[in-house]
Every structure is written in structure tokens, then in C-alpha cells.
Amino acid sequence: MNHTMVELVKKTIPEIDLKLSNHIIGCIKDVTNISDTERATIMYIMDIYVCNYDAVENFRKYISTSYYKQMNGKKYDRSLLLLAENLVKGKGDGRISEDDMKKLYESANDGNKITDYEKDTLGYIVDNFKCTEKAKKYLDEKNI
């Protein structure tokens, strides 16, 4: 575990923002060759602490251990699941709001195309996370 990264987080609780995520990434010795320990620490930070959308998107670039998370024999987009988990950890009632769903959709649409895995992941999020009716409607309007 990279304790320097974790100590930075503890100083700014309750939420990690883009600025702090950049400081955490600054602790990586060689961003072209991130170590397993550094990758694991970033994943730990994302699992334990609330990260805003910009921070999650920033961290995404560095945690490419496996792009997919397999559950019940099906592959899902790991970074979308992490983003959803962080969105429900944030301020509010623990649900995916319409604004949250817009962020998830925007993240999935990163290459101007949403892959089948990303569509499946968004569907999984609707089925397995608490989502507002407006969030579900927004995704329906996008034909996902």
C-alpha cells in the first residue's frame, strides 16, 4: 500500500475531487509503468472513499488492471461500476439520480460509441442500484 496516497486522502475527507486525485497520481513514481501496489492503492481509495465524478474519471486512466469485472459469467465495465458505487456513496440518499445517470452515460460514451459491455453495465446498474425514476427514464430515452 502506498501510504503517501492514503494520507493525502485522509486530509481532505469527505470527498476526493479532481485536484486531490491529481496529487494522488503525483505520488506515482512512473506513470508510464504504474506498479501493482500503486494501482491497488488507487483502487482501495476508490472503494473506501467518496470520489467525485472528475476524480473517478482521472483515476480510471491509471487502474487498467482489468477493464472488465466478471459476475455470474457475464462481463461488465469495471470503471462504470466503480463510478456508480462512488456516486451512491456521495452526498444524498444513496440513489442514482438523473444527473448521476448522465455522468454514467457520458463516461460510457467516452469514444462516441457505447459498447455492448457498457450497455450491459448500465443495465446492470439500473437493475442492481437504487435509481430514481428520472434516472431510469433518462437511460430509456438513450435506448439503453
C-alpha atoms as a PDB file:
ATOM      1  CA  MET A   1       0.000   0.000   0.000  1.00  0.00           C
ATOM      2  CA  ASN A   2       1.275   3.465  -0.873  1.00  0.00           C
ATOM      3  CA  HIS A   3       0.737   5.264   2.424  1.00  0.00           C
ATOM      4  CA  THR A   4       1.534   8.697   0.961  1.00  0.00           C
ATOM      5  CA  MET A   5      -1.523   8.405  -1.307  1.00  0.00           C
ATOM      6  CA  VAL A   6      -3.781   7.310   1.547  1.00  0.00           C
ATOM      7  CA  GLU A   7      -2.547  10.078   3.873  1.00  0.00           C
ATOM      8  CA  LEU A   8      -3.429  12.679   1.216  1.00  0.00           C
ATOM      9  CA  VAL A   9      -6.967  11.311   1.147  1.00  0.00           C
ATOM     10  CA  LYS A  10      -7.416  11.358   4.899  1.00  0.00           C
ATOM     11  CA  LYS A  11      -6.621  15.075   4.964  1.00  0.00           C
ATOM     12  CA  THR A  12      -9.497  16.003   2.640  1.00  0.00           C
ATOM     13  CA  ILE A  13     -12.350  13.760   3.657  1.00  0.00           C
ATOM     14  CA  PRO A  14     -15.339  13.724   2.927  1.00  0.00           C
ATOM     15  CA  GLU A  15     -14.801  13.846  -0.857  1.00  0.00           C
ATOM     16  CA  ILE A  16     -11.920  13.384  -3.252  1.00  0.00           C
ATOM     17  CA  ASP A  17     -12.027  15.919  -6.062  1.00  0.00           C
ATOM     18  CA  LEU A  18     -10.021  16.350  -9.264  1.00  0.00           C
ATOM     19  CA  LYS A  19      -7.332  18.416  -7.547  1.00  0.00           C
ATOM     20  CA  LEU A  20      -6.714  15.782  -4.886  1.00  0.00           C
ATOM     21  CA  SER A  21      -6.808  12.971  -7.446  1.00  0.00           C
ATOM     22  CA  ASN A  22      -4.026  14.786  -9.313  1.00  0.00           C
ATOM     23  CA  HIS A  23      -1.975  14.960  -6.091  1.00  0.00           C
ATOM     24  CA  ILE A  24      -2.533  11.244  -5.551  1.00  0.00           C
ATOM     25  CA  ILE A  25      -1.483  10.483  -9.119  1.00  0.00           C
ATOM     26  CA  GLY A  26       1.546  12.682  -8.489  1.00  0.00           C
ATOM     27  CA  CYS A  27       2.674  10.062  -5.955  1.00  0.00           C
ATOM     28  CA  ILE A  28       3.093   7.515  -8.758  1.00  0.00           C
ATOM     29  CA  LYS A  29       6.800   7.071  -9.384  1.00  0.00           C
ATOM     30  CA  ASP A  30       6.463   6.365 -13.116  1.00  0.00           C
ATOM     31  CA  VAL A  31       3.046   6.989 -14.697  1.00  0.00           C
ATOM     32  CA  THR A  32       4.126   5.097 -17.807  1.00  0.00           C
ATOM     33  CA  ASN A  33       4.747   1.997 -15.693  1.00  0.00           C
ATOM     34  CA  ILE A  34       2.425   2.092 -12.683  1.00  0.00           C
ATOM     35  CA  SER A  35       3.250  -0.552 -10.080  1.00  0.00           C
ATOM     36  CA  ASP A  36       0.797  -3.148  -8.824  1.00  0.00           C
ATOM     37  CA  THR A  37       0.983  -1.515  -5.379  1.00  0.00           C
ATOM     38  CA  GLU A  38       0.152   1.935  -6.767  1.00  0.00           C
ATOM     39  CA  ARG A  39      -2.738   0.512  -8.836  1.00  0.00           C
ATOM     40  CA  ALA A  40      -4.071  -1.415  -5.835  1.00  0.00           C
ATOM     41  CA  THR A  41      -3.836   1.707  -3.668  1.00  0.00           C
ATOM     42  CA  ILE A  42      -5.858   3.767  -6.152  1.00  0.00           C
ATOM     43  CA  MET A  43      -8.490   1.010  -6.292  1.00  0.00           C
ATOM     44  CA  TYR A  44      -8.522   0.893  -2.476  1.00  0.00           C
ATOM     45  CA  ILE A  45      -9.012   4.663  -2.323  1.00  0.00           C
ATOM     46  CA  MET A  46     -11.898   4.435  -4.816  1.00  0.00           C
ATOM     47  CA  ASP A  47     -13.512   1.596  -2.856  1.00  0.00           C
ATOM     48  CA  ILE A  48     -13.243   3.205   0.572  1.00  0.00           C
ATOM     49  CA  TYR A  49     -13.600   6.943  -0.025  1.00  0.00           C
ATOM     50  CA  VAL A  50     -16.120   9.103  -1.861  1.00  0.00           C
ATOM     51  CA  CYS A  51     -14.688  10.360  -5.132  1.00  0.00           C
ATOM     52  CA  ASN A  52     -16.475  12.877  -7.297  1.00  0.00           C
ATOM     53  CA  TYR A  53     -17.022  12.241 -10.999  1.00  0.00           C
ATOM     54  CA  ASP A  54     -13.894  14.100 -12.156  1.00  0.00           C
ATOM     55  CA  ALA A  55     -11.693  12.209  -9.698  1.00  0.00           C
ATOM     56  CA  VAL A  56     -13.067   8.819 -10.800  1.00  0.00           C
ATOM     57  CA  GLU A  57     -12.526   9.705 -14.456  1.00  0.00           C
ATOM     58  CA  ASN A  58      -8.980  10.815 -13.622  1.00  0.00           C
ATOM     59  CA  PHE A  59      -8.203   7.616 -11.693  1.00  0.00           C
ATOM     60  CA  ARG A  60      -9.685   5.479 -14.478  1.00  0.00           C
ATOM     61  CA  LYS A  61      -6.679   6.208 -16.645  1.00  0.00           C
ATOM     62  CA  TYR A  62      -4.366   4.509 -14.168  1.00  0.00           C
ATOM     63  CA  ILE A  63      -6.244   1.417 -12.958  1.00  0.00           C
ATOM     64  CA  SER A  64      -6.251  -0.679 -16.073  1.00  0.00           C
ATOM     65  CA  THR A  65      -5.754  -3.979 -14.253  1.00  0.00           C
ATOM     66  CA  SER A  66      -8.732  -5.496 -15.972  1.00  0.00           C
ATOM     67  CA  TYR A  67     -11.157  -3.406 -17.906  1.00  0.00           C
ATOM     68  CA  TYR A  68     -13.941  -5.860 -17.112  1.00  0.00           C
ATOM     69  CA  LYS A  69     -15.421  -7.274 -13.959  1.00  0.00           C
ATOM     70  CA  GLN A  70     -16.976 -10.676 -14.386  1.00  0.00           C
ATOM     71  CA  MET A  71     -20.078 -11.549 -12.362  1.00  0.00           C
ATOM     72  CA  ASN A  72     -22.292 -14.580 -12.864  1.00  0.00           C
ATOM     73  CA  GLY A  73     -20.445 -15.433 -16.069  1.00  0.00           C
ATOM     74  CA  LYS A  74     -21.054 -12.009 -17.632  1.00  0.00           C
ATOM     75  CA  LYS A  75     -18.540  -9.208 -18.228  1.00  0.00           C
ATOM     76  CA  TYR A  76     -19.222  -5.643 -17.085  1.00  0.00           C
ATOM     77  CA  ASP A  77     -17.257  -2.413 -17.445  1.00  0.00           C
ATOM     78  CA  ARG A  78     -15.272  -2.120 -14.209  1.00  0.00           C
ATOM     79  CA  SER A  79     -14.846   1.663 -14.306  1.00  0.00           C
ATOM     80  CA  LEU A  80     -18.596   2.267 -14.785  1.00  0.00           C
ATOM     81  CA  LEU A  81     -19.336   0.064 -11.777  1.00  0.00           C
ATOM     82  CA  LEU A  82     -16.757   1.963  -9.719  1.00  0.00           C
ATOM     83  CA  LEU A  83     -18.264   5.260 -10.794  1.00  0.00           C
ATOM     84  CA  ALA A  84     -21.775   4.088  -9.858  1.00  0.00           C
ATOM     85  CA  GLU A  85     -20.547   2.918  -6.460  1.00  0.00           C
ATOM     86  CA  ASN A  86     -18.905   6.281  -5.841  1.00  0.00           C
ATOM     87  CA  LEU A  87     -21.981   8.198  -6.961  1.00  0.00           C
ATOM     88  CA  VAL A  88     -24.187   6.418  -4.416  1.00  0.00           C
ATOM     89  CA  LYS A  89     -21.570   6.925  -1.692  1.00  0.00           C
ATOM     90  CA  GLY A  90     -21.712  10.684  -2.180  1.00  0.00           C
ATOM     91  CA  LYS A  91     -24.000  13.212  -0.648  1.00  0.00           C
ATOM     92  CA  GLY A  92     -27.654  12.332  -0.900  1.00  0.00           C
ATOM     93  CA  ASP A  93     -29.906   9.382  -0.364  1.00  0.00           C
ATOM     94  CA  GLY A  94     -27.811   6.574  -1.860  1.00  0.00           C
ATOM     95  CA  ARG A  95     -29.658   6.528  -5.170  1.00  0.00           C
ATOM     96  CA  ILE A  96     -28.533   7.123  -8.722  1.00  0.00           C
ATOM     97  CA  SER A  97     -30.175  10.419  -9.721  1.00  0.00           C
ATOM     98  CA  GLU A  98     -30.799  11.687 -13.239  1.00  0.00           C
ATOM     99  CA  ASP A  99     -27.633  13.799 -13.017  1.00  0.00           C
ATOM    100  CA  ASP A 100     -25.696  10.735 -11.844  1.00  0.00           C
ATOM    101  CA  MET A 101     -27.066   8.716 -14.764  1.00  0.00           C
ATOM    102  CA  LYS A 102     -25.973  11.468 -17.155  1.00  0.00           C
ATOM    103  CA  LYS A 103     -22.454  11.147 -15.749  1.00  0.00           C
ATOM    104  CA  LEU A 104     -22.556   7.373 -16.153  1.00  0.00           C
ATOM    105  CA  TYR A 105     -23.819   7.691 -19.716  1.00  0.00           C
ATOM    106  CA  GLU A 106     -21.160  10.307 -20.533  1.00  0.00           C
ATOM    107  CA  SER A 107     -18.473   8.035 -19.122  1.00  0.00           C
ATOM    108  CA  ALA A 108     -19.741   5.083 -21.169  1.00  0.00           C
ATOM    109  CA  ASN A 109     -19.883   7.237 -24.290  1.00  0.00           C
ATOM    110  CA  ASP A 110     -16.187   8.117 -23.993  1.00  0.00           C
ATOM    111  CA  GLY A 111     -15.344   7.059 -27.539  1.00  0.00           C
ATOM    112  CA  ASN A 112     -18.578   8.443 -29.027  1.00  0.00           C
ATOM    113  CA  LYS A 113     -19.867   4.881 -29.030  1.00  0.00           C
ATOM    114  CA  ILE A 114     -21.235   2.745 -26.243  1.00  0.00           C
ATOM    115  CA  THR A 115     -20.049  -0.849 -26.417  1.00  0.00           C
ATOM    116  CA  ASP A 116     -22.247  -3.840 -25.646  1.00  0.00           C
ATOM    117  CA  TYR A 117     -20.339  -4.313 -22.362  1.00  0.00           C
ATOM    118  CA  GLU A 118     -21.057  -0.714 -21.394  1.00  0.00           C
ATOM    119  CA  LYS A 119     -24.747  -1.129 -22.298  1.00  0.00           C
ATOM    120  CA  ASP A 120     -24.898  -4.287 -20.210  1.00  0.00           C
ATOM    121  CA  THR A 121     -23.207  -2.464 -17.337  1.00  0.00           C
ATOM    122  CA  LEU A 122     -25.655   0.442 -17.459  1.00  0.00           C
ATOM    123  CA  GLY A 123     -28.493  -2.094 -17.446  1.00  0.00           C
ATOM    124  CA  TYR A 124     -26.904  -3.870 -14.501  1.00  0.00           C
ATOM    125  CA  ILE A 125     -26.666  -0.558 -12.636  1.00  0.00           C
ATOM    126  CA  VAL A 126     -30.378   0.138 -13.218  1.00  0.00           C
ATOM    127  CA  ASP A 127     -31.271  -3.371 -12.039  1.00  0.00           C
ATOM    128  CA  ASN A 128     -28.950  -3.544  -9.031  1.00  0.00           C
ATOM    129  CA  PHE A 129     -28.565   0.003  -7.715  1.00  0.00           C
ATOM    130  CA  LYS A 130     -31.296   2.214  -6.353  1.00  0.00           C
ATOM    131  CA  CYS A 131     -32.127   4.551  -9.232  1.00  0.00           C
ATOM    132  CA  THR A 132     -34.654   7.348  -9.364  1.00  0.00           C
ATOM    133  CA  GLU A 133     -37.435   7.124 -11.935  1.00  0.00           C
ATOM    134  CA  LYS A 134     -35.927  10.121 -13.741  1.00  0.00           C
ATOM    135  CA  ALA A 135     -32.585   8.285 -13.976  1.00  0.00           C
ATOM    136  CA  LYS A 136     -34.278   5.224 -15.477  1.00  0.00           C
ATOM    137  CA  LYS A 137     -36.250   7.400 -17.890  1.00  0.00           C
ATOM    138  CA  TYR A 138     -33.084   9.210 -18.996  1.00  0.00           C
ATOM    139  CA  LEU A 139     -31.419   5.905 -19.855  1.00  0.00           C
ATOM    140  CA  ASP A 140     -34.559   4.653 -21.622  1.00  0.00           C
ATOM    141  CA  GLU A 141     -34.535   7.776 -23.789  1.00  0.00           C
ATOM    142  CA  LYS A 142     -30.968   6.885 -24.811  1.00  0.00           C
ATOM    143  CA  ASN A 143     -32.228   3.440 -25.944  1.00  0.00           C
ATOM    144  CA  ILE A 144     -30.039   1.557 -23.485  1.00  0.00           C
END
